[in-house]
Amino acid sequence: MSDSASRDATSGELAGKVGLVVGIANDKSIAAGCARAFSEAGAELAITYLDPKAKPHVAPVAEALGAKLLLPLDLADDARLEAVFDAINNRWGRLDFLLHSVAFCPREDLHGRVVDCSRDGFAQAMDISCHSFIRMARAAEPLMRAGGSIMTVSYYGAEKVVDHYNIMGPVKAALEAATRYMAAELGGANIRVNALSPGPIATRAASGISHFDALIDDARARSAKGRLVTIEEVGAAARFLASDGAAGMTGNVVYVDAGRNIRM
């Protein structure tokens, strides 16, 4: 299928739906690729940025996609999180899907051994990378009265040891476990919870990982397709998970890694 035919097939797939995208750092972010896919499929979007320093990098993405809301959100600030969901409720009165694509760990802990990770560094990594997803799901639940789709972004290092991924491996493992438990808890409300697991992509966030170039080379060499994936391919998977076509899917880790995960 050609690119244009593919776009035609998905055009309107999310028409009438309202989505929240958290985690865009710039137009090369995984979250930006997902937001584009949502928008192209007809969804109306609320997009967040971390702080005034980040806003100039996020605002052009939001403007290009015609996002209806562009809101500040520091996930360490509960008041900010509440304000985002209040704004969504005030504008639409509902939320159909959300994407959480956020991870953070202090550099000194990220670059060190797991056994050397500090207590504060571990707590901060777990809070921003994992517990914030739980907080977002809790805030979204009342707005998903007709059901909805909640998504986060993980990585293969949650399942197997990936050199230099370090403490983020255990953190992402916790994120995937939280995904399964929340899927079980929210399923009765017709709210689906899934995790996307992309292969490594050269984003601003990923650049903080030590020896990232080696990780990229390893993923390319070990993937079934012999290549890396793109943010557009991750976006296509996220668009499907947000759609009614994925109504029977919840509690899953959906790999978008050109087959890297099938090899040791």
C-alpha atoms as a PDB file:
ATOM      1  CA  MET A   1       0.000   0.000   0.000  1.00  0.00           C
ATOM      2  CA  SER A   2       1.371   3.420  -0.929  1.00  0.00           C
ATOM      3  CA  ASP A   3       1.852   6.146   1.674  1.00  0.00           C
ATOM      4  CA  SER A   4      -1.087   8.098   0.250  1.00  0.00           C
ATOM      5  CA  ALA A   5      -3.318   5.024   0.213  1.00  0.00           C
ATOM      6  CA  SER A   6      -2.314   4.275   3.796  1.00  0.00           C
ATOM      7  CA  ARG A   7      -3.244   7.811   4.838  1.00  0.00           C
ATOM      8  CA  ASP A   8      -6.583   7.501   3.051  1.00  0.00           C
ATOM      9  CA  ALA A   9      -7.280   4.224   4.871  1.00  0.00           C
ATOM     10  CA  THR A  10      -6.719   5.815   8.271  1.00  0.00           C
ATOM     11  CA  SER A  11      -8.160   9.274   7.575  1.00  0.00           C
ATOM     12  CA  GLY A  12     -11.038   9.851   9.941  1.00  0.00           C
ATOM     13  CA  GLU A  13     -10.169   6.808  12.056  1.00  0.00           C
ATOM     14  CA  LEU A  14     -10.144   9.021  15.151  1.00  0.00           C
ATOM     15  CA  ALA A  15     -12.686  11.611  13.958  1.00  0.00           C
ATOM     16  CA  GLY A  16     -14.619  13.029  16.867  1.00  0.00           C
ATOM     17  CA  LYS A  17     -12.157  11.749  19.450  1.00  0.00           C
ATOM     18  CA  VAL A  18     -10.244  13.901  21.925  1.00  0.00           C
ATOM     19  CA  GLY A  19      -6.705  13.013  22.947  1.00  0.00           C
ATOM     20  CA  LEU A  20      -4.002  14.225  25.314  1.00  0.00           C
ATOM     21  CA  VAL A  21      -0.339  13.893  24.328  1.00  0.00           C
ATOM     22  CA  VAL A  22       2.320  14.292  27.019  1.00  0.00           C
ATOM     23  CA  GLY A  23       6.029  14.081  26.295  1.00  0.00           C
ATOM     24  CA  ILE A  24       6.759  16.072  23.146  1.00  0.00           C
ATOM     25  CA  ALA A  25      10.226  17.609  23.411  1.00  0.00           C
ATOM     26  CA  ASN A  26      10.503  18.665  19.746  1.00  0.00           C
ATOM     27  CA  ASP A  27       9.346  17.564  16.300  1.00  0.00           C
ATOM     28  CA  LYS A  28      11.668  14.530  16.396  1.00  0.00           C
ATOM     29  CA  SER A  29      10.119  13.089  19.567  1.00  0.00           C
ATOM     30  CA  ILE A  30       8.284   9.773  19.580  1.00  0.00           C
ATOM     31  CA  ALA A  31       5.340  11.659  21.085  1.00  0.00           C
ATOM     32  CA  ALA A  32       5.418  14.101  18.152  1.00  0.00           C
ATOM     33  CA  GLY A  33       5.192  11.229  15.690  1.00  0.00           C
ATOM     34  CA  CYS A  34       2.230   9.867  17.616  1.00  0.00           C
ATOM     35  CA  ALA A  35       0.550  13.270  17.802  1.00  0.00           C
ATOM     36  CA  ARG A  36       0.848  13.674  14.028  1.00  0.00           C
ATOM     37  CA  ALA A  37      -0.731  10.267  13.493  1.00  0.00           C
ATOM     38  CA  PHE A  38      -3.598  11.121  15.852  1.00  0.00           C
ATOM     39  CA  SER A  39      -4.185  14.462  14.147  1.00  0.00           C
ATOM     40  CA  GLU A  40      -4.071  13.009  10.630  1.00  0.00           C
ATOM     41  CA  ALA A  41      -6.706  10.482  11.717  1.00  0.00           C
ATOM     42  CA  GLY A  42      -9.050  13.305  12.737  1.00  0.00           C
ATOM     43  CA  ALA A  43      -8.549  13.611  16.506  1.00  0.00           C
ATOM     44  CA  GLU A  44      -8.603  16.894  18.386  1.00  0.00           C
ATOM     45  CA  LEU A  45      -5.579  17.226  20.653  1.00  0.00           C
ATOM     46  CA  ALA A  46      -4.388  18.775  23.875  1.00  0.00           C
ATOM     47  CA  ILE A  47      -0.579  18.904  24.026  1.00  0.00           C
ATOM     48  CA  THR A  48       1.664  19.724  26.968  1.00  0.00           C
ATOM     49  CA  TYR A  49       5.141  21.164  27.423  1.00  0.00           C
ATOM     50  CA  LEU A  50       7.392  20.934  30.463  1.00  0.00           C
ATOM     51  CA  ASP A  51       8.254  24.581  31.166  1.00  0.00           C
ATOM     52  CA  PRO A  52       8.853  27.961  29.483  1.00  0.00           C
ATOM     53  CA  LYS A  53      12.270  26.778  28.243  1.00  0.00           C
ATOM     54  CA  ALA A  54      10.657  23.806  26.487  1.00  0.00           C
ATOM     55  CA  LYS A  55       7.678  25.688  25.065  1.00  0.00           C
ATOM     56  CA  PRO A  56       9.433  27.148  21.960  1.00  0.00           C
ATOM     57  CA  HIS A  57      10.322  23.596  20.868  1.00  0.00           C
ATOM     58  CA  VAL A  58       6.825  22.191  21.441  1.00  0.00           C
ATOM     59  CA  ALA A  59       4.646  25.096  20.326  1.00  0.00           C
ATOM     60  CA  PRO A  60       5.492  24.749  16.591  1.00  0.00           C
ATOM     61  CA  VAL A  61       4.471  21.079  16.713  1.00  0.00           C
ATOM     62  CA  ALA A  62       1.202  21.936  18.423  1.00  0.00           C
ATOM     63  CA  GLU A  63       0.512  24.763  15.972  1.00  0.00           C
ATOM     64  CA  ALA A  64       1.244  22.582  12.936  1.00  0.00           C
ATOM     65  CA  LEU A  65      -1.209  19.970  14.198  1.00  0.00           C
ATOM     66  CA  GLY A  66      -3.894  22.481  15.077  1.00  0.00           C
ATOM     67  CA  ALA A  67      -3.864  21.420  18.732  1.00  0.00           C
ATOM     68  CA  LYS A  68      -6.770  23.018  20.583  1.00  0.00           C
ATOM     69  CA  LEU A  69      -4.885  23.259  23.883  1.00  0.00           C
ATOM     70  CA  LEU A  70      -1.191  23.777  24.631  1.00  0.00           C
ATOM     71  CA  LEU A  71      -0.632  23.538  28.362  1.00  0.00           C
ATOM     72  CA  PRO A  72       2.320  23.556  30.799  1.00  0.00           C
ATOM     73  CA  LEU A  73       2.840  20.295  32.666  1.00  0.00           C
ATOM     74  CA  ASP A  74       5.597  19.360  35.070  1.00  0.00           C
ATOM     75  CA  LEU A  75       4.657  15.831  36.148  1.00  0.00           C
ATOM     76  CA  ALA A  76       6.308  16.409  39.520  1.00  0.00           C
ATOM     77  CA  ASP A  77       3.656  19.079  40.224  1.00  0.00           C
ATOM     78  CA  ASP A  78       0.245  17.602  41.066  1.00  0.00           C
ATOM     79  CA  ALA A  79      -1.437  20.991  40.727  1.00  0.00           C
ATOM     80  CA  ARG A  80      -0.213  21.295  37.129  1.00  0.00           C
ATOM     81  CA  LEU A  81      -1.532  17.834  36.328  1.00  0.00           C
ATOM     82  CA  GLU A  82      -4.918  18.691  37.806  1.00  0.00           C
ATOM     83  CA  ALA A  83      -4.999  21.926  35.805  1.00  0.00           C
ATOM     84  CA  VAL A  84      -4.392  20.058  32.539  1.00  0.00           C
ATOM     85  CA  PHE A  85      -7.320  17.711  33.107  1.00  0.00           C
ATOM     86  CA  ASP A  86      -9.506  20.582  34.283  1.00  0.00           C
ATOM     87  CA  ALA A  87      -8.760  22.410  31.028  1.00  0.00           C
ATOM     88  CA  ILE A  88      -9.668  19.331  28.995  1.00  0.00           C
ATOM     89  CA  ASN A  89     -12.888  18.904  30.948  1.00  0.00           C
ATOM     90  CA  ASN A  90     -13.786  22.560  30.492  1.00  0.00           C
ATOM     91  CA  ARG A  91     -13.249  22.451  26.730  1.00  0.00           C
ATOM     92  CA  TRP A  92     -14.603  19.017  25.791  1.00  0.00           C
ATOM     93  CA  GLY A  93     -16.126  17.474  28.900  1.00  0.00           C
ATOM     94  CA  ARG A  94     -14.452  14.186  28.068  1.00  0.00           C
ATOM     95  CA  LEU A  95     -11.230  12.469  27.022  1.00  0.00           C
ATOM     96  CA  ASP A  96     -11.031   9.515  24.626  1.00  0.00           C
ATOM     97  CA  PHE A  97      -7.327   8.668  24.712  1.00  0.00           C
ATOM     98  CA  LEU A  98      -4.048   9.769  26.187  1.00  0.00           C
ATOM     99  CA  LEU A  99      -0.390   9.105  25.461  1.00  0.00           C
ATOM    100  CA  HIS A 100       2.238   9.259  28.225  1.00  0.00           C
ATOM    101  CA  SER A 101       5.701   9.377  26.651  1.00  0.00           C
ATOM    102  CA  VAL A 102       7.838  10.625  29.511  1.00  0.00           C
ATOM    103  CA  ALA A 103      10.937   9.266  31.232  1.00  0.00           C
ATOM    104  CA  PHE A 104      13.565  10.873  33.431  1.00  0.00           C
ATOM    105  CA  CYS A 105      16.498   9.823  35.585  1.00  0.00           C
ATOM    106  CA  PRO A 106      19.277  12.018  37.016  1.00  0.00           C
ATOM    107  CA  ARG A 107      22.314  11.666  34.777  1.00  0.00           C
ATOM    108  CA  GLU A 108      24.652  10.384  37.485  1.00  0.00           C
ATOM    109  CA  ASP A 109      22.238   7.554  38.277  1.00  0.00           C
ATOM    110  CA  LEU A 110      21.392   6.829  34.641  1.00  0.00           C
ATOM    111  CA  HIS A 111      25.059   6.429  33.742  1.00  0.00           C
ATOM    112  CA  GLY A 112      25.970   4.284  36.752  1.00  0.00           C
ATOM    113  CA  ARG A 113      25.393   0.672  37.693  1.00  0.00           C
ATOM    114  CA  VAL A 114      22.005  -0.373  39.019  1.00  0.00           C
ATOM    115  CA  VAL A 115      23.615  -1.393  42.314  1.00  0.00           C
ATOM    116  CA  ASP A 116      25.068   2.117  42.655  1.00  0.00           C
ATOM    117  CA  CYS A 117      21.825   3.998  41.966  1.00  0.00           C
ATOM    118  CA  SER A 118      21.060   6.483  44.703  1.00  0.00           C
ATOM    119  CA  ARG A 119      17.862   6.333  46.696  1.00  0.00           C
ATOM    120  CA  ASP A 120      16.807   9.784  45.540  1.00  0.00           C
ATOM    121  CA  GLY A 121      17.693   9.053  41.912  1.00  0.00           C
ATOM    122  CA  PHE A 122      15.707   5.838  41.911  1.00  0.00           C
ATOM    123  CA  ALA A 123      12.720   7.526  43.541  1.00  0.00           C
ATOM    124  CA  GLN A 124      12.780  10.363  41.017  1.00  0.00           C
ATOM    125  CA  ALA A 125      13.117   8.013  38.042  1.00  0.00           C
ATOM    126  CA  MET A 126      10.207   5.901  39.284  1.00  0.00           C
ATOM    127  CA  ASP A 127       8.059   8.930  40.054  1.00  0.00           C
ATOM    128  CA  ILE A 128       8.438  10.703  36.704  1.00  0.00           C
ATOM    129  CA  SER A 129       8.764   7.647  34.458  1.00  0.00           C
ATOM    130  CA  CYS A 130       6.239   5.300  36.075  1.00  0.00           C
ATOM    131  CA  HIS A 131       4.074   6.730  38.846  1.00  0.00           C
ATOM    132  CA  SER A 132       3.190   9.755  36.723  1.00  0.00           C
ATOM    133  CA  PHE A 133       1.495   7.329  34.322  1.00  0.00           C
ATOM    134  CA  ILE A 134      -0.602   6.017  37.197  1.00  0.00           C
ATOM    135  CA  ARG A 135      -1.484   9.571  38.235  1.00  0.00           C
ATOM    136  CA  MET A 136      -2.494  10.432  34.686  1.00  0.00           C
ATOM    137  CA  ALA A 137      -4.698   7.339  34.407  1.00  0.00           C
ATOM    138  CA  ARG A 138      -6.404   8.243  37.685  1.00  0.00           C
ATOM    139  CA  ALA A 139      -7.080  11.768  36.421  1.00  0.00           C
ATOM    140  CA  ALA A 140      -8.301  10.511  33.046  1.00  0.00           C
ATOM    141  CA  GLU A 141     -10.708   7.887  34.370  1.00  0.00           C
ATOM    142  CA  PRO A 142     -13.575  10.283  35.248  1.00  0.00           C
ATOM    143  CA  LEU A 143     -13.337  11.849  31.760  1.00  0.00           C
ATOM    144  CA  MET A 144     -13.501   8.483  29.996  1.00  0.00           C
ATOM    145  CA  ARG A 145     -17.118   7.800  30.861  1.00  0.00           C
ATOM    146  CA  ALA A 146     -17.698   6.063  27.525  1.00  0.00           C
ATOM    147  CA  GLY A 147     -14.406   4.193  27.697  1.00  0.00           C
ATOM    148  CA  GLY A 148     -11.036   5.115  26.295  1.00  0.00           C
ATOM    149  CA  SER A 149      -7.459   4.212  25.530  1.00  0.00           C
ATOM    150  CA  ILE A 150      -4.476   4.973  27.776  1.00  0.00           C
ATOM    151  CA  MET A 151      -0.977   4.434  26.386  1.00  0.00           C
ATOM    152  CA  THR A 152       2.584   4.722  27.598  1.00  0.00           C
ATOM    153  CA  VAL A 153       5.998   4.154  26.022  1.00  0.00           C
ATOM    154  CA  SER A 154       8.388   1.477  27.258  1.00  0.00           C
ATOM    155  CA  TYR A 155      11.523  -0.202  25.875  1.00  0.00           C
ATOM    156  CA  TYR A 156      12.963  -3.712  25.447  1.00  0.00           C
ATOM    157  CA  GLY A 157      15.336  -3.021  28.357  1.00  0.00           C
ATOM    158  CA  ALA A 158      12.356  -3.664  30.647  1.00  0.00           C
ATOM    159  CA  GLU A 159      12.387  -7.328  29.599  1.00  0.00           C
ATOM    160  CA  LYS A 160      16.064  -8.114  28.962  1.00  0.00           C
ATOM    161  CA  VAL A 161      19.304  -6.535  30.089  1.00  0.00           C
ATOM    162  CA  VAL A 162      20.430  -3.936  27.560  1.00  0.00           C
ATOM    163  CA  ASP A 163      23.961  -2.648  28.085  1.00  0.00           C
ATOM    164  CA  HIS A 164      24.067   0.955  29.337  1.00  0.00           C
ATOM    165  CA  TYR A 165      20.289   1.191  29.867  1.00  0.00           C
ATOM    166  CA  ASN A 166      21.031   0.684  33.550  1.00  0.00           C
ATOM    167  CA  ILE A 167      18.418   1.734  36.117  1.00  0.00           C
ATOM    168  CA  MET A 168      15.860   2.592  33.446  1.00  0.00           C
ATOM    169  CA  GLY A 169      15.463  -1.148  32.816  1.00  0.00           C
ATOM    170  CA  PRO A 170      13.910  -1.816  36.237  1.00  0.00           C
ATOM    171  CA  VAL A 171      11.937   1.430  35.982  1.00  0.00           C
ATOM    172  CA  LYS A 172      10.433   0.460  32.613  1.00  0.00           C
ATOM    173  CA  ALA A 173       9.715  -3.032  33.966  1.00  0.00           C
ATOM    174  CA  ALA A 174       7.655  -1.378  36.700  1.00  0.00           C
ATOM    175  CA  LEU A 175       5.899   0.722  34.055  1.00  0.00           C
ATOM    176  CA  GLU A 176       4.935  -2.387  32.091  1.00  0.00           C
ATOM    177  CA  ALA A 177       3.680  -4.114  35.247  1.00  0.00           C
ATOM    178  CA  ALA A 178       1.624  -1.024  36.121  1.00  0.00           C
ATOM    179  CA  THR A 179       0.161  -1.147  32.616  1.00  0.00           C
ATOM    180  CA  ARG A 180      -1.089  -4.697  33.156  1.00  0.00           C
ATOM    181  CA  TYR A 181      -2.546  -4.002  36.592  1.00  0.00           C
ATOM    182  CA  MET A 182      -4.317  -0.844  35.471  1.00  0.00           C
ATOM    183  CA  ALA A 183      -5.682  -2.669  32.430  1.00  0.00           C
ATOM    184  CA  ALA A 184      -7.252  -5.216  34.791  1.00  0.00           C
ATOM    185  CA  GLU A 185      -8.628  -2.535  37.086  1.00  0.00           C
ATOM    186  CA  LEU A 186     -10.053  -0.255  34.379  1.00  0.00           C
ATOM    187  CA  GLY A 187     -11.293  -2.893  31.964  1.00  0.00           C
ATOM    188  CA  GLY A 188     -14.759  -2.920  33.506  1.00  0.00           C
ATOM    189  CA  ALA A 189     -15.067   0.768  32.588  1.00  0.00           C
ATOM    190  CA  ASN A 190     -14.113  -0.064  28.987  1.00  0.00           C
ATOM    191  CA  ILE A 191     -10.796   1.749  29.426  1.00  0.00           C
ATOM    192  CA  ARG A 192      -7.879   0.033  27.726  1.00  0.00           C
ATOM    193  CA  VAL A 193      -4.282   0.404  28.936  1.00  0.00           C
ATOM    194  CA  ASN A 194      -1.360  -0.578  26.715  1.00  0.00           C
ATOM    195  CA  ALA A 195       2.360   0.096  26.387  1.00  0.00           C
ATOM    196  CA  LEU A 196       4.204   0.741  23.146  1.00  0.00           C
ATOM    197  CA  SER A 197       7.759  -0.607  23.024  1.00  0.00           C
ATOM    198  CA  PRO A 198       9.638   1.073  20.185  1.00  0.00           C
ATOM    199  CA  GLY A 199      13.135   0.171  19.166  1.00  0.00           C
ATOM    200  CA  PRO A 200      15.780   2.819  19.868  1.00  0.00           C
ATOM    201  CA  ILE A 201      15.229   6.082  18.015  1.00  0.00           C
ATOM    202  CA  ALA A 202      17.604   9.027  18.018  1.00  0.00           C
ATOM    203  CA  THR A 203      15.512  11.438  20.066  1.00  0.00           C
ATOM    204  CA  ARG A 204      16.633  14.158  22.447  1.00  0.00           C
ATOM    205  CA  ALA A 205      15.643  12.065  25.454  1.00  0.00           C
ATOM    206  CA  ALA A 206      17.495   8.980  24.209  1.00  0.00           C
ATOM    207  CA  SER A 207      20.680  10.979  23.690  1.00  0.00           C
ATOM    208  CA  GLY A 208      21.139  10.996  27.473  1.00  0.00           C
ATOM    209  CA  ILE A 209      21.830   7.241  27.479  1.00  0.00           C
ATOM    210  CA  SER A 210      25.529   6.391  27.640  1.00  0.00           C
ATOM    211  CA  HIS A 211      26.915   4.698  24.501  1.00  0.00           C
ATOM    212  CA  PHE A 212      23.638   5.292  22.689  1.00  0.00           C
ATOM    213  CA  ASP A 213      25.298   4.943  19.276  1.00  0.00           C
ATOM    214  CA  ALA A 214      26.341   1.394  20.182  1.00  0.00           C
ATOM    215  CA  LEU A 215      22.789   0.618  21.284  1.00  0.00           C
ATOM    216  CA  ILE A 216      21.486   1.911  17.943  1.00  0.00           C
ATOM    217  CA  ASP A 217      23.990  -0.208  16.009  1.00  0.00           C
ATOM    218  CA  ASP A 218      23.085  -3.312  18.017  1.00  0.00           C
ATOM    219  CA  ALA A 219      19.354  -2.805  17.434  1.00  0.00           C
ATOM    220  CA  ARG A 220      19.880  -2.407  13.701  1.00  0.00           C
ATOM    221  CA  ALA A 221      22.050  -5.495  13.503  1.00  0.00           C
ATOM    222  CA  ARG A 222      19.729  -7.689  15.588  1.00  0.00           C
ATOM    223  CA  SER A 223      16.383  -6.580  14.207  1.00  0.00           C
ATOM    224  CA  ALA A 224      14.576  -8.980  11.907  1.00  0.00           C
ATOM    225  CA  LYS A 225      14.262  -6.264   9.260  1.00  0.00           C
ATOM    226  CA  GLY A 226      17.849  -5.055   9.592  1.00  0.00           C
ATOM    227  CA  ARG A 227      16.853  -1.472  10.292  1.00  0.00           C
ATOM    228  CA  LEU A 228      15.596   0.939  12.906  1.00  0.00           C
ATOM    229  CA  VAL A 229      12.012   2.128  13.187  1.00  0.00           C
ATOM    230  CA  THR A 230      10.718   5.651  12.713  1.00  0.00           C
ATOM    231  CA  ILE A 231       8.546   7.868  14.859  1.00  0.00           C
ATOM    232  CA  GLU A 232       5.937   7.645  12.094  1.00  0.00           C
ATOM    233  CA  GLU A 233       5.786   3.863  12.496  1.00  0.00           C
ATOM    234  CA  VAL A 234       5.378   4.209  16.254  1.00  0.00           C
ATOM    235  CA  GLY A 235       2.700   6.815  15.612  1.00  0.00           C
ATOM    236  CA  ALA A 236       0.786   4.424  13.345  1.00  0.00           C
ATOM    237  CA  ALA A 237       0.730   1.822  16.134  1.00  0.00           C
ATOM    238  CA  ALA A 238      -0.382   4.423  18.686  1.00  0.00           C
ATOM    239  CA  ARG A 239      -3.137   5.607  16.336  1.00  0.00           C
ATOM    240  CA  PHE A 240      -4.439   2.044  16.069  1.00  0.00           C
ATOM    241  CA  LEU A 241      -4.391   1.568  19.860  1.00  0.00           C
ATOM    242  CA  ALA A 242      -6.379   4.796  20.227  1.00  0.00           C
ATOM    243  CA  SER A 243      -8.955   3.635  17.696  1.00  0.00           C
ATOM    244  CA  ASP A 244     -12.049   1.493  18.068  1.00  0.00           C
ATOM    245  CA  GLY A 245     -10.257  -1.141  16.000  1.00  0.00           C
ATOM    246  CA  ALA A 246      -8.161  -1.971  19.064  1.00  0.00           C
ATOM    247  CA  ALA A 247     -11.224  -2.409  21.298  1.00  0.00           C
ATOM    248  CA  GLY A 248     -10.182  -5.958  22.176  1.00  0.00           C
ATOM    249  CA  MET A 249      -6.610  -5.079  23.133  1.00  0.00           C
ATOM    250  CA  THR A 250      -5.582  -4.170  26.664  1.00  0.00           C
ATOM    251  CA  GLY A 251      -2.707  -4.927  29.026  1.00  0.00           C
ATOM    252  CA  ASN A 252      -0.313  -5.464  26.133  1.00  0.00           C
ATOM    253  CA  VAL A 253       3.243  -4.434  25.396  1.00  0.00           C
ATOM    254  CA  VAL A 254       3.124  -3.703  21.668  1.00  0.00           C
ATOM    255  CA  TYR A 255       6.565  -3.941  20.076  1.00  0.00           C
ATOM    256  CA  VAL A 256       7.363  -1.531  17.256  1.00  0.00           C
ATOM    257  CA  ASP A 257      11.035  -2.421  16.828  1.00  0.00           C
ATOM    258  CA  ALA A 258      11.430  -4.080  13.406  1.00  0.00           C
ATOM    259  CA  GLY A 259      11.647  -7.425  15.195  1.00  0.00           C
ATOM    260  CA  ARG A 260      14.516  -6.632  17.566  1.00  0.00           C
ATOM    261  CA  ASN A 261      12.686  -8.226  20.510  1.00  0.00           C
ATOM    262  CA  ILE A 262      12.525 -11.697  18.911  1.00  0.00           C
ATOM    263  CA  ARG A 263      16.298 -12.123  19.082  1.00  0.00           C
ATOM    264  CA  MET A 264      18.603 -12.474  22.042  1.00  0.00           C
END
